[in-house]
Every structure is written in structure tokens, then in C-alpha cells.
Amino acid sequence: MKKPPLLPITEPLPLQLPYPWQESLWQSWDQRRQAGRLPHAVMISGAEGVGKRRLALAVANRLLCLDANALYPCGRCKGCELLASGSHRDLYQLRPADKSRFILVDPIRELSRALAKSGQQGGWKVAIIEPAEAMNNAAANALLKTLEEPDGKTLMILLSSRPSAVPATVRSRCQKWVMPLPPRELALPWLTAVANSDACAAQLDAAGGRPLLALSYCSGDELAERAKLRSQLDELTAQSLSPLQLAEQLGRSGEPPLHWFKELLEEALRALSCQPGDGRRGLHELFALRDATAEAIGWLQRGNNPSLQSVWETLLLRWVQLPTAAASR
């Protein structure tokens, strides 16, 4: 029988600090840490691109740092040095295996056995499960015992963009940390400093206020591809492009365009919702199309394998049937 994969994080982790928009949550958490009132499990939820993983790693770094009184990890002690070199054996992570969308039961059992032992450095043990909704039913059930009977200084951090897809039995045993979209006055200066781009404001808007997604736009062609999709939808509305032709093109482009389409629909919803009277015509249909798109994304994330071309045909045929006021937003 094949052994489950090794779980300790072996990638080098230089000093991990929270993002500027996470400071309030960080200070509240650190007060509980210094008072000895930490939970044994937390679920950090929020949209993709708001920094859930960075916050989890910063928490882990702080707990594994040997300077117990500082607000942030010191970056100089043995614990921080072991993290920086990728050789700390008290920090674990679980993600879906390569070419899989799921976290299976055997790695969860292996993690539970590891967490039941004393920490190799004599202190905290931290496990990060990402994304929590990737656990299949058997894996989630296997995790329950560890959540119910944690060993000593153990913290389990579950990350999720879709917490409703995590079994209620798991969610109820975790303290909830909800990460909203960061305030623009915090996200934009950070993005401008890191990306060194003149287009940061537009990129942040295109990313729906999610700074890490906006940062990926700076280094890739997602922003141009997203703009291309918007232009193609305008052509559909003007009847200069066939829904079936566009569905064939998008069906070969994988999952990302579905996310961009959902984001564009949400932009249109925000704009249409602000209109008075007849200006809101088509709002109900637009909501229904957004929900159908989210459902299609969910199918893919749960490991289903529908024909993307067929999915797009259905969505785009509904798009061209929208009232003009909705489709033109």
C-alpha cells in the first residue's frame, strides 16, 4: 500500500508577517495568544486573493518563534531559522495531491498521528489544511476526532473560500475568522509598492478589490484576457458574434474565464442595483445568470468533468437573452 505523502512543510519560509489589512485581526489574535486563550482550531474564510494563506503562515511563524513576548515573529531565533530553511518539523500542511481536487482520508489520518506526538521542538504544532472544502466526506469525518480531542499545544488552521462547502460538523468545531475584502486605502498603497505599476488602481478594480489577485494581473496576461472577454460579450450583445462560436473558443480555455465571467456579472449587478425604476430592468435575470455561473464553477471544483463548451453555450445563450439594460452594464 502506498504511504500517504510526507506532511511537514519543506519549502523555505522566510519571516511571515500579516498584510496591512490584516493588522486588526492579527492584534486581536495576539492578545488571545498572550493571555493563553487560543482555540485549538480556526477556519479562515474569505474570497480568493485576500491573503488567507499568508495570515495562516504568519500565525504559524508567531507560534513557532521562540520569542514569546513580541507582537511579530522575530526572524532570528532557532524556530524562525528552521522555518526559513524549510526544516521545521512542527509545521504541517495538507493540500490536494497533484492532479487531484480532493484531500483524501489517508493524509488526514497521517496528519492526526503526527499531531498526536510531542512537537519535535518541544512547543507548538501547527497544521494548515487548504482548501478545507477539498476534503472528501471520509477525510472530514477522520478529522473530527482530532478536532474534538486536540493534543496540548496544537493549532489546526483550515482555509476556505467556500466555507458552506465544508461539513457543518467540522465548521462547528473551529473558531471562525472571516476576512472581508480589504479597505481600498490599505490595499492600493500595498499593491502600488509591491507591483511598481502605474495601472494598480485599474488592476485592483478588475480584481474586485482582491489585492493578491490584482498582483497576479500585474505579472500575467489575465487583465488583457479579461478585457477581451468583456469585448466579446459586447459583441454578443450587438449580435456581431454568435454565442456558439464564442462558447467553442472559451471551451478550450479552461476554468479561469468562468471566474472572469462571474466577476463581470457581479460588476454588472452592482451597477444595475444602483439604478432607479426601469433602469433596474433585468436585475432578476442577471442574478440568476450569476448563480448559474457560480454553480458551474462549483461543479468543476468538486471534480466533476462537464463539457466546458456545453456549459458556455448554456450561459452565453442566457446572456444574449438578458434585457439590454442588464447586458450593457
Protein backbone atom coordinates (compact mmCIF):
# COMPACT_ATOMS: atom_id res chain seq x y z
CA MET A 1 0.00 0.00 0.00
CA LYS A 2 1.36 3.39 -0.97
CA LYS A 3 2.24 5.59 2.00
CA PRO A 4 0.49 8.97 2.32
CA PRO A 5 2.72 11.91 1.36
CA LEU A 6 5.05 13.45 3.91
CA LEU A 7 3.31 16.38 5.52
CA PRO A 8 5.85 18.78 7.10
CA ILE A 9 6.39 21.91 5.03
CA THR A 10 9.81 21.67 3.44
CA GLU A 11 9.70 24.87 1.36
CA PRO A 12 11.79 27.71 2.82
CA LEU A 13 9.55 30.18 4.66
CA PRO A 14 11.28 33.49 5.32
CA LEU A 15 9.77 35.68 8.02
CA GLN A 16 5.97 35.63 7.62
CA LEU A 17 4.10 38.79 8.61
CA PRO A 18 0.43 39.71 8.14
CA TYR A 19 -0.64 42.02 5.33
CA PRO A 20 -1.53 45.61 6.33
CA TRP A 21 -5.28 44.93 6.06
CA GLN A 22 -4.93 42.01 8.48
CA GLU A 23 -3.50 44.04 11.37
CA SER A 24 -6.74 44.37 13.34
CA LEU A 25 -7.40 40.63 13.24
CA TRP A 26 -3.74 39.95 13.99
CA GLN A 27 -3.63 42.11 17.11
CA SER A 28 -6.87 40.62 18.42
CA TRP A 29 -5.43 37.12 17.89
CA ASP A 30 -2.13 38.02 19.56
CA GLN A 31 -3.93 39.33 22.63
CA ARG A 32 -5.59 35.93 22.98
CA ARG A 33 -2.22 34.23 22.44
CA GLN A 34 -0.54 36.21 25.19
CA ALA A 35 -3.48 35.58 27.52
CA GLY A 36 -3.26 31.82 26.86
CA ARG A 37 -6.76 31.69 25.32
CA LEU A 38 -6.04 30.29 21.87
CA PRO A 39 -8.51 27.89 20.24
CA HIS A 40 -7.29 24.52 19.01
CA ALA A 41 -8.77 25.07 15.54
CA VAL A 42 -9.67 28.09 13.40
CA MET A 43 -11.27 28.43 9.99
CA ILE A 44 -10.09 31.43 7.98
CA SER A 45 -12.61 32.16 5.25
CA GLY A 46 -12.76 34.81 2.57
CA ALA A 47 -12.56 35.38 -1.15
CA GLU A 48 -9.62 34.16 -3.20
CA GLY A 49 -6.86 36.75 -3.27
CA VAL A 50 -7.30 38.40 0.15
CA GLY A 51 -4.34 36.68 1.85
CA LYS A 52 -5.77 33.80 3.87
CA ARG A 53 -2.66 31.64 3.45
CA ARG A 54 -0.31 34.49 4.42
CA LEU A 55 -2.27 35.05 7.63
CA ALA A 56 -2.14 31.33 8.42
CA LEU A 57 1.63 31.21 7.85
CA ALA A 58 2.15 34.35 9.93
CA VAL A 59 0.19 32.77 12.81
CA ALA A 60 2.26 29.60 12.49
CA ASN A 61 5.50 31.59 12.40
CA ARG A 62 4.48 33.52 15.52
CA LEU A 63 3.63 30.32 17.45
CA LEU A 64 6.83 28.54 16.39
CA CYS A 65 9.00 31.61 17.14
CA LEU A 66 10.81 31.28 20.48
CA ASP A 67 10.45 34.97 21.39
CA ALA A 68 7.17 34.59 23.26
CA ASN A 69 6.58 38.26 24.10
CA ALA A 70 6.95 40.01 20.74
CA LEU A 71 3.94 41.00 18.63
CA TYR A 72 5.53 39.55 15.47
CA PRO A 73 7.91 36.60 14.94
CA CYS A 74 11.50 37.71 15.45
CA GLY A 75 13.08 36.07 12.38
CA ARG A 76 16.28 35.35 14.35
CA CYS A 77 15.57 32.52 16.81
CA LYS A 78 16.05 28.81 16.11
CA GLY A 79 12.36 28.32 15.35
CA CYS A 80 12.34 31.12 12.75
CA GLU A 81 15.62 29.88 11.27
CA LEU A 82 14.24 26.37 10.90
CA LEU A 83 11.19 27.76 9.09
CA ALA A 84 13.37 29.89 6.83
CA SER A 85 15.42 26.84 5.85
CA GLY A 86 12.37 24.60 5.34
CA SER A 87 13.44 22.21 8.08
CA HIS A 88 10.93 22.86 10.88
CA ARG A 89 9.10 19.61 11.57
CA ASP A 90 6.25 21.04 13.66
CA LEU A 91 4.51 22.86 10.79
CA TYR A 92 2.32 20.71 8.56
CA GLN A 93 0.21 21.36 5.51
CA LEU A 94 -2.37 19.38 3.62
CA ARG A 95 -3.40 20.20 0.07
CA PRO A 96 -4.91 18.09 -2.69
CA ALA A 97 -2.31 15.84 -4.28
CA ASP A 98 -1.06 16.71 -7.75
CA LYS A 99 -3.74 16.30 -10.44
CA SER A 100 -6.43 15.88 -7.77
CA ARG A 101 -9.08 18.25 -6.45
CA PHE A 102 -9.53 16.36 -3.20
CA ILE A 103 -7.86 15.81 0.16
CA LEU A 104 -8.32 12.12 0.92
CA VAL A 105 -8.64 10.22 4.16
CA ASP A 106 -5.14 8.67 4.36
CA PRO A 107 -3.27 12.01 4.54
CA ILE A 108 -5.73 13.20 7.21
CA ARG A 109 -5.03 10.08 9.27
CA GLU A 110 -1.30 10.61 8.82
CA LEU A 111 -1.69 14.20 9.98
CA SER A 112 -3.69 13.11 13.03
CA ARG A 113 -0.96 10.64 14.00
CA ALA A 114 1.70 13.33 13.63
CA LEU A 115 -0.24 15.84 15.73
CA ALA A 116 -0.76 13.26 18.49
CA LYS A 117 3.01 13.18 19.10
CA SER A 118 5.02 15.73 21.02
CA GLY A 119 6.41 18.60 19.00
CA GLN A 120 9.97 17.99 17.83
CA GLN A 121 10.98 21.42 19.16
CA GLY A 122 9.02 20.94 22.38
CA GLY A 123 6.48 23.68 21.61
CA TRP A 124 3.53 24.26 19.33
CA LYS A 125 2.47 22.11 16.40
CA VAL A 126 0.56 23.84 13.60
CA ALA A 127 -1.30 22.25 10.69
CA ILE A 128 -2.72 24.15 7.71
CA ILE A 129 -5.42 22.47 5.60
CA GLU A 130 -6.04 24.22 2.28
CA PRO A 131 -8.67 24.36 0.94
CA ALA A 132 -10.81 22.84 3.65
CA GLU A 133 -13.66 22.24 1.20
CA ALA A 134 -11.40 19.85 -0.74
CA MET A 135 -11.73 17.20 1.99
CA ASN A 136 -14.00 14.39 0.89
CA ASN A 137 -16.53 13.01 3.38
CA ALA A 138 -14.22 10.30 4.69
CA ALA A 139 -11.40 12.79 5.23
CA ALA A 140 -13.69 15.28 7.02
CA ASN A 141 -15.01 12.53 9.29
CA ALA A 142 -11.47 11.36 10.07
CA LEU A 143 -10.54 14.92 11.06
CA LEU A 144 -13.34 15.20 13.62
CA LYS A 145 -11.61 13.15 16.32
CA THR A 146 -8.51 15.34 16.19
CA LEU A 147 -10.70 18.46 16.31
CA GLU A 148 -12.60 17.08 19.30
CA GLU A 149 -9.56 15.81 21.22
CA PRO A 150 -6.58 18.00 20.27
CA ASP A 151 -3.23 17.30 21.85
CA GLY A 152 -1.75 20.08 24.02
CA LYS A 153 -0.19 22.92 22.07
CA THR A 154 -1.79 22.14 18.72
CA LEU A 155 -3.41 24.60 16.33
CA MET A 156 -5.22 23.49 13.19
CA ILE A 157 -5.89 26.19 10.59
CA LEU A 158 -8.46 25.47 7.89
CA LEU A 159 -8.55 27.83 4.90
CA SER A 160 -11.66 28.13 2.79
CA SER A 161 -13.10 30.30 0.05
CA ARG A 162 -16.36 28.34 0.26
CA PRO A 163 -16.97 27.61 3.95
CA SER A 164 -20.53 26.46 3.26
CA ALA A 165 -19.00 23.52 1.34
CA VAL A 166 -17.19 22.33 4.49
CA PRO A 167 -19.27 19.90 6.59
CA ALA A 168 -21.08 21.62 9.46
CA THR A 169 -19.60 19.11 11.89
CA VAL A 170 -16.13 20.45 11.01
CA ARG A 171 -17.10 24.13 10.90
CA SER A 172 -18.76 23.96 14.31
CA ARG A 173 -15.50 22.82 15.92
CA CYS A 174 -13.48 25.74 14.59
CA GLN A 175 -13.31 29.35 15.64
CA LYS A 176 -14.38 31.46 12.64
CA TRP A 177 -12.13 34.16 11.23
CA VAL A 178 -13.86 35.89 8.33
CA MET A 179 -11.65 38.01 6.08
CA PRO A 180 -13.66 40.63 4.18
CA LEU A 181 -12.32 42.47 1.17
CA PRO A 182 -9.64 44.86 2.44
CA PRO A 183 -10.32 48.61 2.51
CA ARG A 184 -9.07 50.26 -0.66
CA GLU A 185 -7.00 52.75 1.35
CA LEU A 186 -4.94 49.82 2.68
CA ALA A 187 -4.91 47.55 -0.37
CA LEU A 188 -3.98 50.09 -3.04
CA PRO A 189 -0.82 51.52 -1.37
CA TRP A 190 0.39 47.97 -0.70
CA LEU A 191 -0.25 46.91 -4.29
CA THR A 192 1.41 50.04 -5.69
CA ALA A 193 4.53 49.45 -3.58
CA VAL A 194 4.80 45.75 -4.43
CA ALA A 195 3.78 45.79 -8.10
CA ASN A 196 5.56 49.03 -9.07
CA SER A 197 2.94 49.59 -11.76
CA ASP A 198 1.06 52.66 -12.95
CA ALA A 199 -2.09 50.60 -13.51
CA CYS A 200 -2.58 49.36 -9.93
CA ALA A 201 -5.90 51.13 -9.39
CA ALA A 202 -7.37 49.59 -12.55
CA GLN A 203 -5.95 46.19 -11.66
CA LEU A 204 -7.43 46.34 -8.17
CA ASP A 205 -10.81 47.29 -9.64
CA ALA A 206 -10.59 44.45 -12.17
CA ALA A 207 -9.79 42.04 -9.33
CA GLY A 208 -12.89 43.10 -7.42
CA GLY A 209 -10.83 44.60 -4.60
CA ARG A 210 -8.73 41.48 -4.03
CA PRO A 211 -5.11 42.66 -3.83
CA LEU A 212 -3.33 39.36 -4.42
CA LEU A 213 -5.44 38.66 -7.49
CA ALA A 214 -4.64 42.19 -8.69
CA LEU A 215 -0.95 41.45 -8.14
CA SER A 216 -1.21 38.40 -10.39
CA TYR A 217 -2.70 40.64 -13.07
CA CYS A 218 0.46 42.74 -12.94
CA SER A 219 2.70 39.80 -13.84
CA GLY A 220 0.44 37.90 -16.23
CA ASP A 221 -1.97 38.43 -19.10
CA GLU A 222 -5.15 37.90 -17.06
CA LEU A 223 -6.14 41.56 -17.24
CA ALA A 224 -5.88 41.58 -21.04
CA GLU A 225 -7.77 38.29 -21.31
CA ARG A 226 -10.47 39.60 -19.01
CA ALA A 227 -10.80 42.75 -21.13
CA LYS A 228 -11.01 40.55 -24.23
CA LEU A 229 -13.88 38.60 -22.66
CA ARG A 230 -15.71 41.85 -21.89
CA SER A 231 -15.28 42.92 -25.52
CA GLN A 232 -16.58 39.57 -26.76
CA LEU A 233 -19.66 39.88 -24.54
CA ASP A 234 -20.29 43.34 -26.02
CA GLU A 235 -20.12 41.72 -29.48
CA LEU A 236 -22.67 39.13 -28.37
CA THR A 237 -24.99 41.88 -27.17
CA ALA A 238 -24.56 43.69 -30.51
CA GLN A 239 -25.22 40.36 -32.33
CA SER A 240 -21.92 40.60 -34.20
CA LEU A 241 -20.68 37.35 -32.61
CA SER A 242 -22.52 34.04 -32.22
CA PRO A 243 -22.89 32.54 -28.71
CA LEU A 244 -22.00 29.13 -30.14
CA GLN A 245 -18.81 30.45 -31.76
CA LEU A 246 -17.68 32.11 -28.52
CA ALA A 247 -18.61 29.02 -26.49
CA GLU A 248 -16.35 26.94 -28.71
CA GLN A 249 -13.43 29.34 -28.11
CA LEU A 250 -13.96 29.58 -24.35
CA GLY A 251 -14.47 25.84 -24.03
CA ARG A 252 -10.79 25.41 -24.93
CA SER A 253 -9.57 27.97 -22.33
CA GLY A 254 -10.06 26.01 -19.12
CA GLU A 255 -11.69 27.25 -15.91
CA PRO A 256 -10.35 30.84 -15.47
CA PRO A 257 -12.73 32.54 -17.97
CA LEU A 258 -15.68 31.24 -15.94
CA HIS A 259 -14.35 33.13 -12.92
CA TRP A 260 -13.86 36.28 -15.02
CA PHE A 261 -17.40 35.95 -16.38
CA LYS A 262 -18.77 35.66 -12.83
CA GLU A 263 -16.79 38.74 -11.78
CA LEU A 264 -18.13 40.72 -14.76
CA LEU A 265 -21.67 39.65 -13.88
CA GLU A 266 -21.13 40.83 -10.31
CA GLU A 267 -19.87 44.19 -11.59
CA ALA A 268 -22.98 44.49 -13.72
CA LEU A 269 -25.17 43.61 -10.73
CA ARG A 270 -23.58 46.32 -8.59
CA ALA A 271 -24.08 48.90 -11.32
CA LEU A 272 -27.65 47.87 -12.11
CA SER A 273 -28.66 47.78 -8.44
CA CYS A 274 -27.87 51.50 -8.15
CA GLN A 275 -30.26 52.45 -10.95
CA PRO A 276 -33.75 53.82 -10.26
CA GLY A 277 -37.00 52.36 -11.57
CA ASP A 278 -36.85 50.96 -15.10
CA GLY A 279 -33.06 51.22 -15.03
CA ARG A 280 -33.06 48.06 -12.90
CA ARG A 281 -34.79 46.01 -15.61
CA GLY A 282 -33.20 42.58 -15.92
CA LEU A 283 -31.81 42.52 -12.38
CA HIS A 284 -33.54 39.22 -11.52
CA GLU A 285 -32.28 37.56 -14.71
CA LEU A 286 -28.76 38.83 -14.07
CA PHE A 287 -28.79 37.39 -10.55
CA ALA A 288 -29.95 34.04 -11.94
CA LEU A 289 -27.16 34.01 -14.53
CA ARG A 290 -24.56 34.85 -11.87
CA ASP A 291 -25.86 31.98 -9.71
CA ALA A 292 -25.78 29.57 -12.67
CA THR A 293 -22.15 30.56 -13.34
CA ALA A 294 -21.22 30.03 -9.69
CA GLU A 295 -22.89 26.62 -9.82
CA ALA A 296 -20.86 25.66 -12.90
CA ILE A 297 -17.64 26.71 -11.14
CA GLY A 298 -18.71 24.59 -8.18
CA TRP A 299 -19.14 21.54 -10.41
CA LEU A 300 -15.58 21.90 -11.62
CA GLN A 301 -14.18 22.49 -8.14
CA ARG A 302 -15.93 19.36 -6.85
CA GLY A 303 -14.14 17.31 -9.50
CA ASN A 304 -16.99 16.93 -11.98
CA ASN A 305 -15.99 16.98 -15.61
CA PRO A 306 -18.73 18.66 -17.66
CA SER A 307 -18.12 19.77 -21.23
CA LEU A 308 -16.92 23.34 -20.86
CA GLN A 309 -18.20 24.17 -24.32
CA SER A 310 -21.69 22.99 -23.35
CA VAL A 311 -21.52 24.97 -20.10
CA TRP A 312 -20.57 28.10 -22.02
CA GLU A 313 -23.28 27.55 -24.61
CA THR A 314 -25.90 27.50 -21.85
CA LEU A 315 -24.53 30.58 -20.10
CA LEU A 316 -23.99 32.66 -23.23
CA LEU A 317 -27.43 31.86 -24.65
CA ARG A 318 -28.84 33.20 -21.37
CA TRP A 319 -26.57 36.25 -21.66
CA VAL A 320 -27.95 37.26 -25.06
CA GLN A 321 -31.49 36.90 -23.71
CA LEU A 322 -30.86 39.46 -20.96
CA PRO A 323 -32.68 42.79 -21.27
CA THR A 324 -30.39 45.34 -22.93
CA ALA A 325 -30.08 47.39 -19.74
CA ALA A 326 -28.58 44.43 -17.87
CA ALA A 327 -26.30 43.12 -20.62
CA SER A 328 -24.83 46.56 -21.33
CA ARG A 329 -23.54 47.18 -17.83
